[in-house]
Amino acid sequence: MTNPISGLAHIGLRSADIERATRFYHSLGFTTSQSLTLEDPQGSIEVSFLTLCELTLELYQLPWQGQTRDAASLGIDHVALRVDDLAAAQRWVTELGYPLTEGPTLQPSGRNGVRYFMIAGPDGERVEFNQPL
């Protein structure tokens, strides 16, 4: 099967303080293209997408406020690769021997949302395969 990746969708950054992170990236020239709140059994997850030229950052702050998180659990969490056919991408990674760790799932955002799934990278990062709808 041919490689289904068509580009970078976004880089996901887990933040201890999403407002502080947003101010920082705004100071570097990024603008907020979308902000949303997702509901989770442990609370609401704040998510913001920031863009600069062709680069998109997904900042998110997990809901368990006040809980201390070590530095290793903050920062780059996942790299999202854009694909045109999520089912074909799933077959491809399965053939490569990589099990899915999340999804496939629908994430409503933007105009129509995205469908995605995740696999584990070798150093704990997650690799998302992302098909815009």
N, C-alpha and C. Protein backbone atom coordinates (compact mmCIF):
# COMPACT_ATOMS: atom_id res chain seq x y z
N MET A 1 0.85 -1.18 0.00
CA MET A 1 0.00 0.00 0.00
C MET A 1 0.89 1.24 0.00
N THR A 2 0.45 2.30 -0.66
CA THR A 2 1.22 3.53 -0.71
C THR A 2 1.01 4.36 0.56
N ASN A 3 1.96 5.20 0.82
CA ASN A 3 1.90 6.08 1.99
C ASN A 3 0.74 7.05 1.85
N PRO A 4 -0.21 7.07 2.82
CA PRO A 4 -1.39 7.93 2.70
C PRO A 4 -1.22 9.33 3.29
N ILE A 5 -0.08 9.67 3.85
CA ILE A 5 0.10 10.96 4.53
C ILE A 5 0.24 12.07 3.49
N SER A 6 -0.57 13.14 3.66
CA SER A 6 -0.51 14.25 2.71
C SER A 6 0.04 15.53 3.31
N GLY A 7 0.33 15.55 4.61
CA GLY A 7 0.89 16.75 5.21
C GLY A 7 0.73 16.74 6.72
N LEU A 8 1.16 17.82 7.34
CA LEU A 8 1.04 18.00 8.78
C LEU A 8 -0.30 18.65 9.07
N ALA A 9 -1.10 18.04 9.95
CA ALA A 9 -2.38 18.63 10.33
C ALA A 9 -2.18 19.63 11.46
N HIS A 10 -1.50 19.22 12.54
CA HIS A 10 -1.20 20.12 13.65
C HIS A 10 -0.24 19.44 14.62
N ILE A 11 0.26 20.21 15.56
CA ILE A 11 1.08 19.70 16.65
C ILE A 11 0.31 19.96 17.93
N GLY A 12 0.09 18.93 18.73
CA GLY A 12 -0.67 19.05 19.96
C GLY A 12 0.23 19.33 21.15
N LEU A 13 -0.06 20.39 21.88
CA LEU A 13 0.73 20.79 23.05
C LEU A 13 -0.15 20.75 24.30
N ARG A 14 0.21 19.89 25.23
CA ARG A 14 -0.51 19.81 26.50
C ARG A 14 0.01 20.92 27.40
N SER A 15 -0.90 21.74 27.92
CA SER A 15 -0.51 22.94 28.65
C SER A 15 -0.99 22.88 30.10
N ALA A 16 -0.16 23.39 31.00
CA ALA A 16 -0.56 23.53 32.41
C ALA A 16 -1.46 24.74 32.59
N ASP A 17 -1.30 25.75 31.72
CA ASP A 17 -2.08 26.99 31.81
C ASP A 17 -2.32 27.47 30.38
N ILE A 18 -3.48 27.15 29.83
CA ILE A 18 -3.75 27.43 28.42
C ILE A 18 -3.76 28.93 28.12
N GLU A 19 -4.18 29.75 29.06
CA GLU A 19 -4.18 31.19 28.83
C GLU A 19 -2.75 31.72 28.72
N ARG A 20 -1.86 31.25 29.60
CA ARG A 20 -0.46 31.65 29.53
C ARG A 20 0.17 31.17 28.22
N ALA A 21 -0.11 29.92 27.83
CA ALA A 21 0.44 29.39 26.58
C ALA A 21 -0.08 30.16 25.38
N THR A 22 -1.37 30.50 25.40
CA THR A 22 -1.95 31.27 24.30
C THR A 22 -1.28 32.63 24.18
N ARG A 23 -1.08 33.32 25.30
CA ARG A 23 -0.39 34.63 25.27
C ARG A 23 1.02 34.48 24.69
N PHE A 24 1.72 33.43 25.11
CA PHE A 24 3.08 33.20 24.62
C PHE A 24 3.08 33.03 23.10
N TYR A 25 2.22 32.14 22.58
CA TYR A 25 2.21 31.90 21.13
C TYR A 25 1.66 33.09 20.36
N HIS A 26 0.74 33.85 20.95
CA HIS A 26 0.29 35.09 20.31
C HIS A 26 1.47 36.06 20.17
N SER A 27 2.33 36.11 21.18
CA SER A 27 3.49 37.01 21.12
C SER A 27 4.45 36.62 20.00
N LEU A 28 4.39 35.37 19.57
CA LEU A 28 5.24 34.90 18.47
C LEU A 28 4.56 35.05 17.11
N GLY A 29 3.35 35.62 17.10
CA GLY A 29 2.66 35.88 15.85
C GLY A 29 1.52 34.92 15.52
N PHE A 30 1.28 33.92 16.36
CA PHE A 30 0.16 33.02 16.12
C PHE A 30 -1.14 33.74 16.44
N THR A 31 -2.21 33.36 15.76
CA THR A 31 -3.53 33.88 16.06
C THR A 31 -4.45 32.70 16.39
N THR A 32 -5.45 32.96 17.22
CA THR A 32 -6.39 31.91 17.59
C THR A 32 -7.40 31.75 16.47
N SER A 33 -7.47 30.55 15.90
CA SER A 33 -8.44 30.29 14.84
C SER A 33 -9.70 29.64 15.38
N GLN A 34 -9.60 28.98 16.54
CA GLN A 34 -10.77 28.35 17.14
C GLN A 34 -10.48 28.01 18.59
N SER A 35 -11.47 28.18 19.44
CA SER A 35 -11.41 27.74 20.84
C SER A 35 -12.68 26.98 21.13
N LEU A 36 -12.56 25.90 21.90
CA LEU A 36 -13.73 25.12 22.24
C LEU A 36 -13.52 24.42 23.56
N THR A 37 -14.60 23.94 24.12
CA THR A 37 -14.58 23.19 25.36
C THR A 37 -15.15 21.82 25.09
N LEU A 38 -14.39 20.79 25.44
CA LEU A 38 -14.84 19.41 25.27
C LEU A 38 -15.17 18.85 26.65
N GLU A 39 -16.24 18.09 26.73
CA GLU A 39 -16.61 17.50 28.01
C GLU A 39 -15.93 16.15 28.18
N ASP A 40 -15.43 15.90 29.38
CA ASP A 40 -14.72 14.68 29.74
C ASP A 40 -15.31 14.22 31.07
N PRO A 41 -15.27 12.93 31.37
CA PRO A 41 -15.80 12.48 32.66
C PRO A 41 -15.17 13.19 33.87
N GLN A 42 -13.92 13.69 33.73
CA GLN A 42 -13.25 14.37 34.83
C GLN A 42 -13.44 15.88 34.79
N GLY A 43 -14.14 16.40 33.78
CA GLY A 43 -14.37 17.83 33.69
C GLY A 43 -14.24 18.32 32.26
N SER A 44 -14.21 19.62 32.10
CA SER A 44 -14.12 20.23 30.77
C SER A 44 -12.66 20.39 30.35
N ILE A 45 -12.40 20.09 29.08
CA ILE A 45 -11.07 20.25 28.50
C ILE A 45 -11.11 21.48 27.62
N GLU A 46 -10.27 22.47 27.92
CA GLU A 46 -10.18 23.67 27.11
C GLU A 46 -9.21 23.41 25.96
N VAL A 47 -9.62 23.75 24.74
CA VAL A 47 -8.82 23.51 23.55
C VAL A 47 -8.80 24.79 22.72
N SER A 48 -7.60 25.16 22.23
CA SER A 48 -7.48 26.29 21.31
C SER A 48 -6.57 25.89 20.16
N PHE A 49 -6.98 26.25 18.96
CA PHE A 49 -6.15 26.04 17.78
C PHE A 49 -5.56 27.39 17.39
N LEU A 50 -4.24 27.46 17.29
CA LEU A 50 -3.54 28.68 16.94
C LEU A 50 -2.82 28.44 15.62
N THR A 51 -2.83 29.44 14.75
CA THR A 51 -2.21 29.28 13.45
C THR A 51 -1.20 30.39 13.17
N LEU A 52 -0.20 30.02 12.40
CA LEU A 52 0.80 30.94 11.87
C LEU A 52 1.24 30.36 10.54
N CYS A 53 0.93 31.05 9.46
CA CYS A 53 1.19 30.55 8.11
C CYS A 53 0.55 29.17 7.96
N GLU A 54 1.33 28.15 7.64
CA GLU A 54 0.80 26.80 7.44
C GLU A 54 0.83 25.95 8.69
N LEU A 55 1.32 26.49 9.80
CA LEU A 55 1.49 25.72 11.03
C LEU A 55 0.29 25.92 11.95
N THR A 56 -0.24 24.83 12.49
CA THR A 56 -1.33 24.88 13.46
C THR A 56 -0.89 24.19 14.74
N LEU A 57 -1.08 24.88 15.85
CA LEU A 57 -0.84 24.29 17.17
C LEU A 57 -2.19 24.04 17.83
N GLU A 58 -2.33 22.87 18.43
CA GLU A 58 -3.52 22.57 19.22
C GLU A 58 -3.07 22.63 20.68
N LEU A 59 -3.48 23.68 21.39
CA LEU A 59 -3.19 23.79 22.81
C LEU A 59 -4.36 23.22 23.58
N TYR A 60 -4.08 22.42 24.58
CA TYR A 60 -5.19 21.97 25.42
C TYR A 60 -4.74 21.82 26.85
N GLN A 61 -5.70 22.10 27.73
CA GLN A 61 -5.48 22.02 29.16
C GLN A 61 -6.46 21.00 29.71
N LEU A 62 -5.92 19.98 30.35
CA LEU A 62 -6.77 18.92 30.89
C LEU A 62 -7.58 19.43 32.06
N PRO A 63 -8.69 18.77 32.37
CA PRO A 63 -9.66 19.34 33.30
C PRO A 63 -9.31 19.26 34.78
N TRP A 64 -8.39 18.45 35.18
CA TRP A 64 -8.19 18.30 36.62
C TRP A 64 -7.33 19.43 37.16
N GLN A 65 -8.00 20.57 37.35
CA GLN A 65 -7.36 21.78 37.85
C GLN A 65 -6.74 21.54 39.22
N GLY A 66 -5.60 22.16 39.46
CA GLY A 66 -4.96 22.09 40.76
C GLY A 66 -4.11 20.87 40.97
N GLN A 67 -4.23 19.88 40.11
CA GLN A 67 -3.41 18.69 40.25
C GLN A 67 -2.05 18.96 39.64
N THR A 68 -1.01 18.74 40.40
CA THR A 68 0.34 19.00 39.91
C THR A 68 0.71 17.98 38.84
N ARG A 69 1.31 18.46 37.77
CA ARG A 69 1.75 17.58 36.70
C ARG A 69 3.24 17.79 36.50
N ASP A 70 3.98 16.73 36.36
CA ASP A 70 5.42 16.86 36.17
C ASP A 70 5.71 17.36 34.76
N ALA A 71 6.89 17.94 34.60
CA ALA A 71 7.27 18.56 33.32
C ALA A 71 7.24 17.56 32.17
N ALA A 72 7.51 16.31 32.44
CA ALA A 72 7.52 15.31 31.38
C ALA A 72 6.14 15.09 30.78
N SER A 73 5.08 15.44 31.51
CA SER A 73 3.74 15.22 31.00
C SER A 73 3.17 16.46 30.31
N LEU A 74 3.96 17.52 30.19
CA LEU A 74 3.55 18.74 29.50
C LEU A 74 4.33 18.86 28.21
N GLY A 75 3.94 19.77 27.35
CA GLY A 75 4.65 20.01 26.11
C GLY A 75 4.08 19.20 24.96
N ILE A 76 4.94 18.81 24.02
CA ILE A 76 4.47 18.11 22.83
C ILE A 76 3.90 16.76 23.23
N ASP A 77 2.65 16.57 22.89
CA ASP A 77 1.93 15.35 23.20
C ASP A 77 1.74 14.50 21.96
N HIS A 78 1.41 15.16 20.84
CA HIS A 78 1.19 14.39 19.62
C HIS A 78 1.48 15.24 18.39
N VAL A 79 1.78 14.55 17.30
CA VAL A 79 1.93 15.15 15.99
C VAL A 79 0.80 14.59 15.15
N ALA A 80 0.02 15.45 14.52
CA ALA A 80 -1.13 15.02 13.72
C ALA A 80 -0.77 15.10 12.25
N LEU A 81 -0.86 13.98 11.58
CA LEU A 81 -0.57 13.90 10.15
C LEU A 81 -1.88 13.87 9.38
N ARG A 82 -1.96 14.74 8.37
CA ARG A 82 -3.18 14.83 7.57
C ARG A 82 -3.22 13.69 6.56
N VAL A 83 -4.39 13.08 6.41
CA VAL A 83 -4.61 12.04 5.40
C VAL A 83 -5.92 12.34 4.67
N ASP A 84 -6.04 11.85 3.46
CA ASP A 84 -7.26 12.05 2.68
C ASP A 84 -8.26 10.91 2.88
N ASP A 85 -7.77 9.73 3.29
CA ASP A 85 -8.62 8.55 3.46
C ASP A 85 -8.22 7.86 4.76
N LEU A 86 -9.00 8.10 5.81
CA LEU A 86 -8.65 7.57 7.13
C LEU A 86 -8.67 6.05 7.14
N ALA A 87 -9.62 5.44 6.47
CA ALA A 87 -9.69 3.97 6.44
C ALA A 87 -8.44 3.38 5.78
N ALA A 88 -7.99 3.99 4.69
CA ALA A 88 -6.78 3.52 4.02
C ALA A 88 -5.56 3.70 4.93
N ALA A 89 -5.52 4.83 5.65
CA ALA A 89 -4.40 5.06 6.58
C ALA A 89 -4.41 4.03 7.70
N GLN A 90 -5.59 3.68 8.18
CA GLN A 90 -5.69 2.67 9.24
C GLN A 90 -5.21 1.32 8.73
N ARG A 91 -5.59 0.94 7.53
CA ARG A 91 -5.10 -0.33 6.95
C ARG A 91 -3.58 -0.30 6.84
N TRP A 92 -3.04 0.84 6.41
CA TRP A 92 -1.60 0.98 6.21
C TRP A 92 -0.85 0.81 7.52
N VAL A 93 -1.26 1.51 8.59
CA VAL A 93 -0.52 1.39 9.86
C VAL A 93 -0.70 0.00 10.47
N THR A 94 -1.86 -0.62 10.23
CA THR A 94 -2.07 -2.00 10.70
C THR A 94 -1.12 -2.95 9.99
N GLU A 95 -0.96 -2.76 8.67
CA GLU A 95 0.00 -3.57 7.91
C GLU A 95 1.43 -3.37 8.40
N LEU A 96 1.73 -2.16 8.87
CA LEU A 96 3.06 -1.87 9.41
C LEU A 96 3.24 -2.48 10.81
N GLY A 97 2.15 -2.97 11.41
CA GLY A 97 2.23 -3.61 12.71
C GLY A 97 2.01 -2.69 13.90
N TYR A 98 1.46 -1.50 13.66
CA TYR A 98 1.23 -0.55 14.75
C TYR A 98 -0.23 -0.60 15.19
N PRO A 99 -0.51 -0.97 16.43
CA PRO A 99 -1.89 -1.00 16.90
C PRO A 99 -2.41 0.41 17.18
N LEU A 100 -3.69 0.61 16.99
CA LEU A 100 -4.32 1.87 17.33
C LEU A 100 -4.42 1.99 18.84
N THR A 101 -4.12 3.18 19.35
CA THR A 101 -4.25 3.44 20.78
C THR A 101 -5.49 4.27 21.10
N GLU A 102 -6.08 4.86 20.05
CA GLU A 102 -7.30 5.66 20.22
C GLU A 102 -8.00 5.74 18.87
N GLY A 103 -9.33 5.66 18.91
CA GLY A 103 -10.12 5.85 17.70
C GLY A 103 -10.23 4.59 16.87
N PRO A 104 -10.73 4.75 15.64
CA PRO A 104 -11.07 6.01 15.01
C PRO A 104 -12.27 6.67 15.69
N THR A 105 -12.22 7.99 15.65
CA THR A 105 -13.21 8.78 16.37
C THR A 105 -13.53 10.05 15.58
N LEU A 106 -14.69 10.60 15.81
CA LEU A 106 -15.10 11.86 15.19
C LEU A 106 -14.88 12.98 16.20
N GLN A 107 -14.23 14.04 15.78
CA GLN A 107 -14.01 15.22 16.62
C GLN A 107 -14.69 16.40 15.93
N PRO A 108 -15.85 16.81 16.41
CA PRO A 108 -16.49 17.96 15.77
C PRO A 108 -15.73 19.24 16.10
N SER A 109 -15.25 19.91 15.08
CA SER A 109 -14.56 21.19 15.24
C SER A 109 -14.52 21.87 13.89
N GLY A 110 -14.23 23.14 13.89
CA GLY A 110 -14.18 23.86 12.63
C GLY A 110 -15.51 23.79 11.91
N ARG A 111 -15.47 23.76 10.61
CA ARG A 111 -16.71 23.71 9.84
C ARG A 111 -17.41 22.36 9.97
N ASN A 112 -16.67 21.28 9.77
CA ASN A 112 -17.29 19.96 9.77
C ASN A 112 -16.60 18.97 10.70
N GLY A 113 -15.47 19.32 11.24
CA GLY A 113 -14.75 18.42 12.13
C GLY A 113 -13.75 17.54 11.41
N VAL A 114 -13.26 16.56 12.14
CA VAL A 114 -12.28 15.62 11.61
C VAL A 114 -12.58 14.23 12.16
N ARG A 115 -12.10 13.23 11.47
CA ARG A 115 -12.05 11.87 11.99
C ARG A 115 -10.57 11.58 12.18
N TYR A 116 -10.25 10.86 13.25
CA TYR A 116 -8.85 10.58 13.50
C TYR A 116 -8.68 9.29 14.28
N PHE A 117 -7.43 8.80 14.27
CA PHE A 117 -7.02 7.74 15.18
C PHE A 117 -5.59 8.02 15.59
N MET A 118 -5.15 7.35 16.65
CA MET A 118 -3.80 7.55 17.18
C MET A 118 -3.06 6.22 17.25
N ILE A 119 -1.74 6.33 17.10
CA ILE A 119 -0.84 5.21 17.39
C ILE A 119 0.24 5.74 18.32
N ALA A 120 0.97 4.84 18.96
CA ALA A 120 2.05 5.25 19.86
C ALA A 120 3.35 5.39 19.09
N GLY A 121 4.09 6.48 19.38
CA GLY A 121 5.43 6.64 18.85
C GLY A 121 6.43 5.96 19.77
N PRO A 122 7.68 5.88 19.36
CA PRO A 122 8.67 5.12 20.13
C PRO A 122 9.09 5.75 21.45
N ASP A 123 8.85 7.06 21.64
CA ASP A 123 9.30 7.73 22.85
C ASP A 123 8.15 8.29 23.68
N GLY A 124 6.97 7.71 23.54
CA GLY A 124 5.83 8.15 24.33
C GLY A 124 4.95 9.17 23.66
N GLU A 125 5.42 9.75 22.58
CA GLU A 125 4.56 10.68 21.85
C GLU A 125 3.46 9.90 21.15
N ARG A 126 2.39 10.60 20.82
CA ARG A 126 1.31 9.97 20.08
C ARG A 126 1.34 10.53 18.66
N VAL A 127 1.02 9.68 17.69
CA VAL A 127 0.96 10.09 16.29
C VAL A 127 -0.50 9.96 15.86
N GLU A 128 -1.08 11.09 15.49
CA GLU A 128 -2.47 11.14 15.07
C GLU A 128 -2.55 11.14 13.55
N PHE A 129 -3.46 10.37 13.02
CA PHE A 129 -3.78 10.40 11.60
C PHE A 129 -5.15 11.08 11.50
N ASN A 130 -5.22 12.18 10.75
CA ASN A 130 -6.30 13.14 10.84
C ASN A 130 -6.88 13.39 9.46
N GLN A 131 -8.17 13.10 9.27
CA GLN A 131 -8.85 13.36 8.01
C GLN A 131 -9.89 14.45 8.21
N PRO A 132 -9.67 15.64 7.66
CA PRO A 132 -10.69 16.70 7.74
C PRO A 132 -11.94 16.27 7.00
N LEU A 133 -13.09 16.63 7.54
CA LEU A 133 -14.36 16.29 6.88
C LEU A 133 -14.92 17.48 6.13
